[in-house]
């Protein structure tokens, strides 16, 4: 791939040359567009509507804390995926989709990084198709794409039969190498030129996606991706407020604060559970 000249500096090929492959822009979602794990906020919304037990929410809160502190971990993600799929079995797809809309209006729109949103809008203004590429479930990924004006989303898809979740996935979770494969398949279908395209991610797990395009950019990178980007000469953008999570070096104090937040979540969940039991 060619060396990047910047996230949106190049004049994209495509829209002005009929029949020629066109460029596109690909964005990871969690910690790239949305602060934290978008699926966690959906889980909170589902919990409030009786989908989860209190302890399920505590586990999801713990995952959110670890994700914000340490970045992605494939083993954690796979474990959480299995638990979430089991919980969702038998629930209505339409109901979950409606709840996701509420979650966006209540929470998610407040957690979108303005800097990343500006990059997304710049690509749209330049006439490029914009795709989200994420392990997040379709109910969140496609919603974010629609609300933010993106072309679409490549994402994790939960299997359904007659409008109800089966507790299985369609294919595998869109993570790591799977992101690069999904982008390559889309490029072949949509006649995209990946050598002239852009990609944005925050984690070393996004390296396959970033390497698949001509103009990669690390956004809000974890320590390992920041180091790798420096080695490869990739641009880095950090939109985190006041760089609170920079270098993720606040260590024990930050982790203690996060642990306290999980404890508060646990107490709140327990109170809600007891309150329902008393009624």
C-alpha atoms as a PDB file:
ATOM      1  CA  UNK A   1       0.000   0.000   0.000  1.00  0.00           C
ATOM      2  CA  UNK A   2       1.144   3.580  -0.592  1.00  0.00           C
ATOM      3  CA  UNK A   3       2.269   5.796   2.237  1.00  0.00           C
ATOM      4  CA  UNK A   4      -0.577   7.890   3.708  1.00  0.00           C
ATOM      5  CA  UNK A   5      -0.535  11.606   3.075  1.00  0.00           C
ATOM      6  CA  UNK A   6      -3.227  12.284   5.650  1.00  0.00           C
ATOM      7  CA  UNK A   7      -6.763  11.192   6.516  1.00  0.00           C
ATOM      8  CA  UNK A   8      -8.651  13.314   3.970  1.00  0.00           C
ATOM      9  CA  UNK A   9      -5.963  15.161   2.062  1.00  0.00           C
ATOM     10  CA  UNK A  10      -6.002  13.223  -1.206  1.00  0.00           C
ATOM     11  CA  UNK A  11      -8.460  13.991  -3.959  1.00  0.00           C
ATOM     12  CA  UNK A  12     -10.509  10.749  -4.128  1.00  0.00           C
ATOM     13  CA  UNK A  13     -10.735   8.957  -7.414  1.00  0.00           C
ATOM     14  CA  UNK A  14     -14.031   7.538  -8.477  1.00  0.00           C
ATOM     15  CA  UNK A  15     -17.112   9.754  -8.655  1.00  0.00           C
ATOM     16  CA  UNK A  16     -15.689  11.871 -11.494  1.00  0.00           C
ATOM     17  CA  UNK A  17     -14.467   8.939 -13.584  1.00  0.00           C
ATOM     18  CA  UNK A  18     -17.352   6.827 -14.738  1.00  0.00           C
ATOM     19  CA  UNK A  19     -16.593   3.122 -14.625  1.00  0.00           C
ATOM     20  CA  UNK A  20     -13.334   3.499 -12.700  1.00  0.00           C
ATOM     21  CA  UNK A  21     -12.972   2.050  -9.198  1.00  0.00           C
ATOM     22  CA  UNK A  22     -13.731   4.648  -6.565  1.00  0.00           C
ATOM     23  CA  UNK A  23     -12.272   5.298  -3.139  1.00  0.00           C
ATOM     24  CA  UNK A  24     -14.170   4.752   0.114  1.00  0.00           C
ATOM     25  CA  UNK A  25     -13.707   5.426   3.825  1.00  0.00           C
ATOM     26  CA  UNK A  26     -13.978   2.717   6.490  1.00  0.00           C
ATOM     27  CA  UNK A  27     -14.469   3.455  10.181  1.00  0.00           C
ATOM     28  CA  UNK A  28     -14.261   1.173  13.187  1.00  0.00           C
ATOM     29  CA  UNK A  29     -16.972   2.138  15.716  1.00  0.00           C
ATOM     30  CA  UNK A  30     -16.051   1.500  19.357  1.00  0.00           C
ATOM     31  CA  UNK A  31     -13.540   4.050  20.691  1.00  0.00           C
ATOM     32  CA  UNK A  32     -13.165   5.371  17.141  1.00  0.00           C
ATOM     33  CA  UNK A  33     -16.588   6.921  16.563  1.00  0.00           C
ATOM     34  CA  UNK A  34     -18.271   6.172  19.891  1.00  0.00           C
ATOM     35  CA  UNK A  35     -16.574   6.543  23.274  1.00  0.00           C
ATOM     36  CA  UNK A  36     -16.435   3.096  24.875  1.00  0.00           C
ATOM     37  CA  UNK A  37     -18.288  -0.018  23.723  1.00  0.00           C
ATOM     38  CA  UNK A  38     -21.523   0.812  21.914  1.00  0.00           C
ATOM     39  CA  UNK A  39     -22.987  -2.629  22.684  1.00  0.00           C
ATOM     40  CA  UNK A  40     -22.664  -1.912  26.421  1.00  0.00           C
ATOM     41  CA  UNK A  41     -25.089   0.987  26.124  1.00  0.00           C
ATOM     42  CA  UNK A  42     -27.536  -1.230  24.274  1.00  0.00           C
ATOM     43  CA  UNK A  43     -27.130  -3.784  27.066  1.00  0.00           C
ATOM     44  CA  UNK A  44     -28.025  -1.119  29.652  1.00  0.00           C
ATOM     45  CA  UNK A  45     -31.113  -0.190  27.660  1.00  0.00           C
ATOM     46  CA  UNK A  46     -32.135  -3.840  27.433  1.00  0.00           C
ATOM     47  CA  UNK A  47     -31.538  -4.343  31.153  1.00  0.00           C
ATOM     48  CA  UNK A  48     -33.813  -1.430  32.017  1.00  0.00           C
ATOM     49  CA  UNK A  49     -36.526  -3.145  30.030  1.00  0.00           C
ATOM     50  CA  UNK A  50     -36.134  -6.462  31.797  1.00  0.00           C
ATOM     51  CA  UNK A  51     -33.959  -8.404  29.330  1.00  0.00           C
ATOM     52  CA  UNK A  52     -31.068  -9.055  31.738  1.00  0.00           C
ATOM     53  CA  UNK A  53     -30.561 -10.024  35.351  1.00  0.00           C
ATOM     54  CA  UNK A  54     -28.733  -7.510  37.582  1.00  0.00           C
ATOM     55  CA  UNK A  55     -25.548  -9.586  37.571  1.00  0.00           C
ATOM     56  CA  UNK A  56     -25.514  -9.679  33.761  1.00  0.00           C
ATOM     57  CA  UNK A  57     -25.342  -5.891  33.704  1.00  0.00           C
ATOM     58  CA  UNK A  58     -22.506  -5.904  36.232  1.00  0.00           C
ATOM     59  CA  UNK A  59     -20.499  -8.224  33.970  1.00  0.00           C
ATOM     60  CA  UNK A  60     -21.148  -5.962  30.978  1.00  0.00           C
ATOM     61  CA  UNK A  61     -20.075  -2.934  33.055  1.00  0.00           C
ATOM     62  CA  UNK A  62     -16.858  -4.725  33.963  1.00  0.00           C
ATOM     63  CA  UNK A  63     -16.224  -5.445  30.292  1.00  0.00           C
ATOM     64  CA  UNK A  64     -16.812  -1.756  29.463  1.00  0.00           C
ATOM     65  CA  UNK A  65     -14.281  -0.740  32.118  1.00  0.00           C
ATOM     66  CA  UNK A  66     -11.632  -3.151  30.869  1.00  0.00           C
ATOM     67  CA  UNK A  67     -12.267  -2.055  27.297  1.00  0.00           C
ATOM     68  CA  UNK A  68     -11.838   1.631  28.148  1.00  0.00           C
ATOM     69  CA  UNK A  69      -8.710   0.931  30.217  1.00  0.00           C
ATOM     70  CA  UNK A  70      -6.923  -1.757  28.243  1.00  0.00           C
ATOM     71  CA  UNK A  71      -8.447  -1.904  24.778  1.00  0.00           C
ATOM     72  CA  UNK A  72      -9.912  -4.934  23.036  1.00  0.00           C
ATOM     73  CA  UNK A  73      -9.249  -8.501  24.118  1.00  0.00           C
ATOM     74  CA  UNK A  74     -10.432 -11.253  21.777  1.00  0.00           C
ATOM     75  CA  UNK A  75     -10.957 -13.847  24.505  1.00  0.00           C
ATOM     76  CA  UNK A  76     -13.074 -11.418  26.554  1.00  0.00           C
ATOM     77  CA  UNK A  77     -15.070 -10.465  23.493  1.00  0.00           C
ATOM     78  CA  UNK A  78     -15.766 -14.084  22.563  1.00  0.00           C
ATOM     79  CA  UNK A  79     -16.879 -14.895  26.111  1.00  0.00           C
ATOM     80  CA  UNK A  80     -19.165 -11.883  26.287  1.00  0.00           C
ATOM     81  CA  UNK A  81     -20.549 -12.677  22.848  1.00  0.00           C
ATOM     82  CA  UNK A  82     -21.584 -16.161  23.969  1.00  0.00           C
ATOM     83  CA  UNK A  83     -23.299 -14.827  27.078  1.00  0.00           C
ATOM     84  CA  UNK A  84     -25.122 -12.112  25.158  1.00  0.00           C
ATOM     85  CA  UNK A  85     -26.336 -14.490  22.448  1.00  0.00           C
ATOM     86  CA  UNK A  86     -27.659 -16.877  25.079  1.00  0.00           C
ATOM     87  CA  UNK A  87     -29.545 -14.062  26.800  1.00  0.00           C
ATOM     88  CA  UNK A  88     -31.047 -12.794  23.530  1.00  0.00           C
ATOM     89  CA  UNK A  89     -32.400 -16.195  22.429  1.00  0.00           C
ATOM     90  CA  UNK A  90     -36.157 -16.011  21.867  1.00  0.00           C
ATOM     91  CA  UNK A  91     -36.418 -12.211  22.038  1.00  0.00           C
ATOM     92  CA  UNK A  92     -38.045 -10.209  19.259  1.00  0.00           C
ATOM     93  CA  UNK A  93     -35.756  -8.520  16.722  1.00  0.00           C
ATOM     94  CA  UNK A  94     -38.251  -5.683  16.269  1.00  0.00           C
ATOM     95  CA  UNK A  95     -38.307  -5.003  19.998  1.00  0.00           C
ATOM     96  CA  UNK A  96     -34.512  -4.873  20.279  1.00  0.00           C
ATOM     97  CA  UNK A  97     -34.269  -2.628  17.213  1.00  0.00           C
ATOM     98  CA  UNK A  98     -36.757  -0.191  18.740  1.00  0.00           C
ATOM     99  CA  UNK A  99     -34.826  -0.171  22.019  1.00  0.00           C
ATOM    100  CA  UNK A 100     -31.607   0.559  20.105  1.00  0.00           C
ATOM    101  CA  UNK A 101     -33.259   3.664  18.631  1.00  0.00           C
ATOM    102  CA  UNK A 102     -34.117   4.857  22.144  1.00  0.00           C
ATOM    103  CA  UNK A 103     -30.565   4.151  23.336  1.00  0.00           C
ATOM    104  CA  UNK A 104     -29.153   6.308  20.548  1.00  0.00           C
ATOM    105  CA  UNK A 105     -31.457   9.205  21.439  1.00  0.00           C
ATOM    106  CA  UNK A 106     -30.780   8.866  25.171  1.00  0.00           C
ATOM    107  CA  UNK A 107     -27.051   8.086  25.286  1.00  0.00           C
ATOM    108  CA  UNK A 108     -25.106   7.242  22.149  1.00  0.00           C
ATOM    109  CA  UNK A 109     -25.449  10.559  20.342  1.00  0.00           C
ATOM    110  CA  UNK A 110     -23.761  12.193  23.352  1.00  0.00           C
ATOM    111  CA  UNK A 111     -20.776   9.807  23.136  1.00  0.00           C
ATOM    112  CA  UNK A 112     -19.819  10.406  19.508  1.00  0.00           C
ATOM    113  CA  UNK A 113     -16.393  11.995  19.103  1.00  0.00           C
ATOM    114  CA  UNK A 114     -16.893  15.330  17.283  1.00  0.00           C
ATOM    115  CA  UNK A 115     -13.469  15.004  15.658  1.00  0.00           C
ATOM    116  CA  UNK A 116     -14.286  11.632  14.129  1.00  0.00           C
ATOM    117  CA  UNK A 117     -17.694  12.917  13.068  1.00  0.00           C
ATOM    118  CA  UNK A 118     -15.936  15.776  11.256  1.00  0.00           C
ATOM    119  CA  UNK A 119     -13.711  13.304   9.372  1.00  0.00           C
ATOM    120  CA  UNK A 120     -16.745  11.239   8.425  1.00  0.00           C
ATOM    121  CA  UNK A 121     -18.585  14.327   7.181  1.00  0.00           C
ATOM    122  CA  UNK A 122     -15.506  15.443   5.204  1.00  0.00           C
ATOM    123  CA  UNK A 123     -15.417  12.130   3.362  1.00  0.00           C
ATOM    124  CA  UNK A 124     -19.124  12.352   2.627  1.00  0.00           C
ATOM    125  CA  UNK A 125     -18.698  15.915   1.325  1.00  0.00           C
ATOM    126  CA  UNK A 126     -15.900  14.647  -0.956  1.00  0.00           C
ATOM    127  CA  UNK A 127     -18.346  12.148  -2.449  1.00  0.00           C
ATOM    128  CA  UNK A 128     -16.887   8.990  -0.916  1.00  0.00           C
ATOM    129  CA  UNK A 129     -19.024   6.107   0.325  1.00  0.00           C
ATOM    130  CA  UNK A 130     -18.506   5.725   4.074  1.00  0.00           C
ATOM    131  CA  UNK A 131     -18.761   2.318   5.742  1.00  0.00           C
ATOM    132  CA  UNK A 132     -18.645   1.305   9.394  1.00  0.00           C
ATOM    133  CA  UNK A 133     -16.688  -1.899  10.004  1.00  0.00           C
ATOM    134  CA  UNK A 134     -17.309  -3.224  13.490  1.00  0.00           C
ATOM    135  CA  UNK A 135     -17.789  -6.237  15.723  1.00  0.00           C
ATOM    136  CA  UNK A 136     -20.810  -4.457  17.199  1.00  0.00           C
ATOM    137  CA  UNK A 137     -24.201  -6.051  16.489  1.00  0.00           C
ATOM    138  CA  UNK A 138     -26.177  -5.022  13.441  1.00  0.00           C
ATOM    139  CA  UNK A 139     -28.881  -3.422  15.576  1.00  0.00           C
ATOM    140  CA  UNK A 140     -26.352  -0.818  16.740  1.00  0.00           C
ATOM    141  CA  UNK A 141     -24.025  -0.627  13.717  1.00  0.00           C
ATOM    142  CA  UNK A 142     -26.727  -0.027  11.111  1.00  0.00           C
ATOM    143  CA  UNK A 143     -28.488   2.432  13.394  1.00  0.00           C
ATOM    144  CA  UNK A 144     -25.293   4.468  13.839  1.00  0.00           C
ATOM    145  CA  UNK A 145     -24.624   4.360  10.109  1.00  0.00           C
ATOM    146  CA  UNK A 146     -28.096   5.646   9.326  1.00  0.00           C
ATOM    147  CA  UNK A 147     -28.098   8.347  11.992  1.00  0.00           C
ATOM    148  CA  UNK A 148     -24.630   9.604  11.000  1.00  0.00           C
ATOM    149  CA  UNK A 149     -25.275   9.496   7.264  1.00  0.00           C
ATOM    150  CA  UNK A 150     -22.884   6.658   6.414  1.00  0.00           C
ATOM    151  CA  UNK A 151     -23.443   4.419   3.413  1.00  0.00           C
ATOM    152  CA  UNK A 152     -23.825   1.269   5.502  1.00  0.00           C
ATOM    153  CA  UNK A 153     -22.257  -1.048   8.056  1.00  0.00           C
ATOM    154  CA  UNK A 154     -20.277  -4.275   7.933  1.00  0.00           C
ATOM    155  CA  UNK A 155     -20.979  -5.818  11.310  1.00  0.00           C
ATOM    156  CA  UNK A 156     -21.778  -8.850  13.440  1.00  0.00           C
ATOM    157  CA  UNK A 157     -25.171 -10.366  12.607  1.00  0.00           C
ATOM    158  CA  UNK A 158     -27.276 -12.383  15.044  1.00  0.00           C
ATOM    159  CA  UNK A 159     -29.277 -15.186  13.474  1.00  0.00           C
ATOM    160  CA  UNK A 160     -33.060 -14.898  13.531  1.00  0.00           C
ATOM    161  CA  UNK A 161     -36.005 -17.056  12.556  1.00  0.00           C
ATOM    162  CA  UNK A 162     -39.481 -15.591  12.063  1.00  0.00           C
ATOM    163  CA  UNK A 163     -38.349 -12.339  13.696  1.00  0.00           C
ATOM    164  CA  UNK A 164     -36.863 -13.897  16.849  1.00  0.00           C
ATOM    165  CA  UNK A 165     -33.227 -14.449  17.804  1.00  0.00           C
ATOM    166  CA  UNK A 166     -31.972 -18.015  17.779  1.00  0.00           C
ATOM    167  CA  UNK A 167     -28.917 -17.439  19.991  1.00  0.00           C
ATOM    168  CA  UNK A 168     -26.511 -18.062  17.097  1.00  0.00           C
ATOM    169  CA  UNK A 169     -24.510 -15.849  14.753  1.00  0.00           C
ATOM    170  CA  UNK A 170     -24.668 -15.607  10.977  1.00  0.00           C
ATOM    171  CA  UNK A 171     -21.034 -16.317  10.183  1.00  0.00           C
ATOM    172  CA  UNK A 172     -18.516 -15.167  12.766  1.00  0.00           C
ATOM    173  CA  UNK A 173     -17.962 -12.047  14.781  1.00  0.00           C
ATOM    174  CA  UNK A 174     -16.571  -9.253  12.586  1.00  0.00           C
ATOM    175  CA  UNK A 175     -13.256  -8.789  14.324  1.00  0.00           C
ATOM    176  CA  UNK A 176      -9.577  -8.628  13.392  1.00  0.00           C
ATOM    177  CA  UNK A 177      -8.867 -10.372  10.093  1.00  0.00           C
ATOM    178  CA  UNK A 178     -12.603 -10.760   9.491  1.00  0.00           C
ATOM    179  CA  UNK A 179     -12.841  -6.977   9.079  1.00  0.00           C
ATOM    180  CA  UNK A 180     -10.249  -6.990   6.302  1.00  0.00           C
ATOM    181  CA  UNK A 181     -11.985  -9.893   4.558  1.00  0.00           C
ATOM    182  CA  UNK A 182     -15.353  -8.127   4.732  1.00  0.00           C
ATOM    183  CA  UNK A 183     -13.872  -4.932   3.290  1.00  0.00           C
ATOM    184  CA  UNK A 184     -12.178  -6.838   0.470  1.00  0.00           C
ATOM    185  CA  UNK A 185     -15.438  -8.601  -0.397  1.00  0.00           C
ATOM    186  CA  UNK A 186     -17.295  -5.277  -0.392  1.00  0.00           C
ATOM    187  CA  UNK A 187     -14.620  -3.722  -2.603  1.00  0.00           C
ATOM    188  CA  UNK A 188     -15.095  -6.479  -5.168  1.00  0.00           C
ATOM    189  CA  UNK A 189     -18.894  -6.110  -5.121  1.00  0.00           C
ATOM    190  CA  UNK A 190     -18.987  -2.317  -5.146  1.00  0.00           C
ATOM    191  CA  UNK A 191     -15.991  -1.734  -7.439  1.00  0.00           C
ATOM    192  CA  UNK A 192     -13.912   0.102  -4.811  1.00  0.00           C
ATOM    193  CA  UNK A 193     -10.224   0.914  -5.078  1.00  0.00           C
ATOM    194  CA  UNK A 194      -8.748   0.077  -1.677  1.00  0.00           C
ATOM    195  CA  UNK A 195      -5.358   1.549  -2.594  1.00  0.00           C
ATOM    196  CA  UNK A 196      -7.054   4.963  -2.732  1.00  0.00           C
ATOM    197  CA  UNK A 197      -9.308   4.345   0.268  1.00  0.00           C
ATOM    198  CA  UNK A 198      -9.132   5.373   3.928  1.00  0.00           C
ATOM    199  CA  UNK A 199      -9.549   3.451   7.172  1.00  0.00           C
ATOM    200  CA  UNK A 200      -9.721   4.480  10.823  1.00  0.00           C
ATOM    201  CA  UNK A 201      -9.348   2.348  13.948  1.00  0.00           C
ATOM    202  CA  UNK A 202      -8.273   2.555  17.595  1.00  0.00           C
ATOM    203  CA  UNK A 203      -6.852  -0.894  18.370  1.00  0.00           C
ATOM    204  CA  UNK A 204      -4.197  -3.309  17.179  1.00  0.00           C
ATOM    205  CA  UNK A 205      -7.141  -5.566  16.358  1.00  0.00           C
ATOM    206  CA  UNK A 206      -7.904  -3.030  13.606  1.00  0.00           C
ATOM    207  CA  UNK A 207      -4.483  -3.524  11.980  1.00  0.00           C
ATOM    208  CA  UNK A 208      -5.829  -5.901   9.278  1.00  0.00           C
ATOM    209  CA  UNK A 209      -8.437  -3.270   8.356  1.00  0.00           C
ATOM    210  CA  UNK A 210      -5.896  -0.447   8.383  1.00  0.00           C
ATOM    211  CA  UNK A 211      -3.397  -2.387   6.298  1.00  0.00           C
ATOM    212  CA  UNK A 212      -6.003  -3.142   3.651  1.00  0.00           C
ATOM    213  CA  UNK A 213      -6.207   0.479   2.440  1.00  0.00           C
ATOM    214  CA  UNK A 214      -3.833   3.048   1.035  1.00  0.00           C
ATOM    215  CA  UNK A 215      -4.517   5.691   3.681  1.00  0.00           C
ATOM    216  CA  UNK A 216      -4.799   4.270   7.210  1.00  0.00           C
ATOM    217  CA  UNK A 217      -5.140   6.481  10.275  1.00  0.00           C
ATOM    218  CA  UNK A 218      -5.079   5.585  13.981  1.00  0.00           C
ATOM    219  CA  UNK A 219      -7.781   7.351  15.978  1.00  0.00           C
ATOM    220  CA  UNK A 220      -7.687   7.386  19.794  1.00  0.00           C
ATOM    221  CA  UNK A 221      -5.168   4.539  19.576  1.00  0.00           C
ATOM    222  CA  UNK A 222      -4.262   2.137  22.342  1.00  0.00           C
ATOM    223  CA  UNK A 223      -0.579   2.011  23.260  1.00  0.00           C
ATOM    224  CA  UNK A 224       0.271  -0.827  20.887  1.00  0.00           C
ATOM    225  CA  UNK A 225      -1.453   0.729  17.878  1.00  0.00           C
ATOM    226  CA  UNK A 226       0.146   4.103  18.606  1.00  0.00           C
ATOM    227  CA  UNK A 227       3.562   2.448  18.611  1.00  0.00           C
ATOM    228  CA  UNK A 228       2.821   0.512  15.421  1.00  0.00           C
ATOM    229  CA  UNK A 229       1.491   3.623  13.676  1.00  0.00           C
ATOM    230  CA  UNK A 230       4.695   5.470  14.535  1.00  0.00           C
ATOM    231  CA  UNK A 231       6.765   2.622  13.084  1.00  0.00           C
ATOM    232  CA  UNK A 232       4.759   2.628   9.855  1.00  0.00           C
ATOM    233  CA  UNK A 233       4.500   6.403   9.532  1.00  0.00           C
ATOM    234  CA  UNK A 234       0.720   6.419   9.782  1.00  0.00           C
ATOM    235  CA  UNK A 235      -1.050   9.578  10.957  1.00  0.00           C
ATOM    236  CA  UNK A 236      -2.580   9.567  14.439  1.00  0.00           C
ATOM    237  CA  UNK A 237      -5.580  11.577  15.607  1.00  0.00           C
ATOM    238  CA  UNK A 238      -6.648  11.714  19.238  1.00  0.00           C
ATOM    239  CA  UNK A 239     -10.075  13.124  20.007  1.00  0.00           C
ATOM    240  CA  UNK A 240     -10.341  11.990  23.631  1.00  0.00           C
ATOM    241  CA  UNK A 241     -11.217  14.887  25.962  1.00  0.00           C
ATOM    242  CA  UNK A 242      -8.149  16.382  27.657  1.00  0.00           C
ATOM    243  CA  UNK A 243      -6.226  13.228  26.727  1.00  0.00           C
ATOM    244  CA  UNK A 244      -7.546  11.588  29.912  1.00  0.00           C
ATOM    245  CA  UNK A 245      -6.977   8.183  28.421  1.00  0.00           C
ATOM    246  CA  UNK A 246      -3.682   9.049  26.744  1.00  0.00           C
ATOM    247  CA  UNK A 247      -1.076   6.352  27.235  1.00  0.00           C
ATOM    248  CA  UNK A 248      -3.634   4.666  29.525  1.00  0.00           C
ATOM    249  CA  UNK A 249      -1.129   5.386  32.308  1.00  0.00           C
ATOM    250  CA  UNK A 250      -3.292   6.655  35.118  1.00  0.00           C
ATOM    251  CA  UNK A 251      -2.829   3.129  36.431  1.00  0.00           C
ATOM    252  CA  UNK A 252      -4.130   2.230  39.842  1.00  0.00           C
ATOM    253  CA  UNK A 253      -5.974   5.483  40.470  1.00  0.00           C
ATOM    254  CA  UNK A 254      -7.918   5.298  37.215  1.00  0.00           C
ATOM    255  CA  UNK A 255      -8.624   1.609  37.626  1.00  0.00           C
ATOM    256  CA  UNK A 256      -9.818   2.187  41.177  1.00  0.00           C
ATOM    257  CA  UNK A 257     -12.195   4.846  39.917  1.00  0.00           C
ATOM    258  CA  UNK A 258     -13.477   2.509  37.244  1.00  0.00           C
ATOM    259  CA  UNK A 259     -13.847  -0.314  39.743  1.00  0.00           C
ATOM    260  CA  UNK A 260     -15.864   2.036  41.924  1.00  0.00           C
ATOM    261  CA  UNK A 261     -18.125   2.730  38.934  1.00  0.00           C
ATOM    262  CA  UNK A 262     -18.689  -0.992  38.450  1.00  0.00           C
ATOM    263  CA  UNK A 263     -19.480  -1.341  42.151  1.00  0.00           C
ATOM    264  CA  UNK A 264     -22.029   1.472  41.861  1.00  0.00           C
ATOM    265  CA  UNK A 265     -23.561  -0.302  38.870  1.00  0.00           C
ATOM    266  CA  UNK A 266     -23.740  -3.496  40.908  1.00  0.00           C
ATOM    267  CA  UNK A 267     -25.455  -1.776  43.824  1.00  0.00           C
ATOM    268  CA  UNK A 268     -27.909  -0.032  41.512  1.00  0.00           C
ATOM    269  CA  UNK A 269     -28.696  -3.313  39.774  1.00  0.00           C
ATOM    270  CA  UNK A 270     -29.198  -5.050  43.122  1.00  0.00           C
ATOM    271  CA  UNK A 271     -31.541  -2.286  44.341  1.00  0.00           C
ATOM    272  CA  UNK A 272     -33.565  -2.537  41.142  1.00  0.00           C
ATOM    273  CA  UNK A 273     -33.780  -6.303  41.525  1.00  0.00           C
ATOM    274  CA  UNK A 274     -34.888  -6.085  45.165  1.00  0.00           C
ATOM    275  CA  UNK A 275     -37.384  -3.389  44.325  1.00  0.00           C
ATOM    276  CA  UNK A 276     -38.999  -5.587  41.663  1.00  0.00           C
ATOM    277  CA  UNK A 277     -38.988  -8.558  44.042  1.00  0.00           C
ATOM    278  CA  UNK A 278     -40.862  -6.569  46.706  1.00  0.00           C
ATOM    279  CA  UNK A 279     -43.608  -5.531  44.325  1.00  0.00           C
END
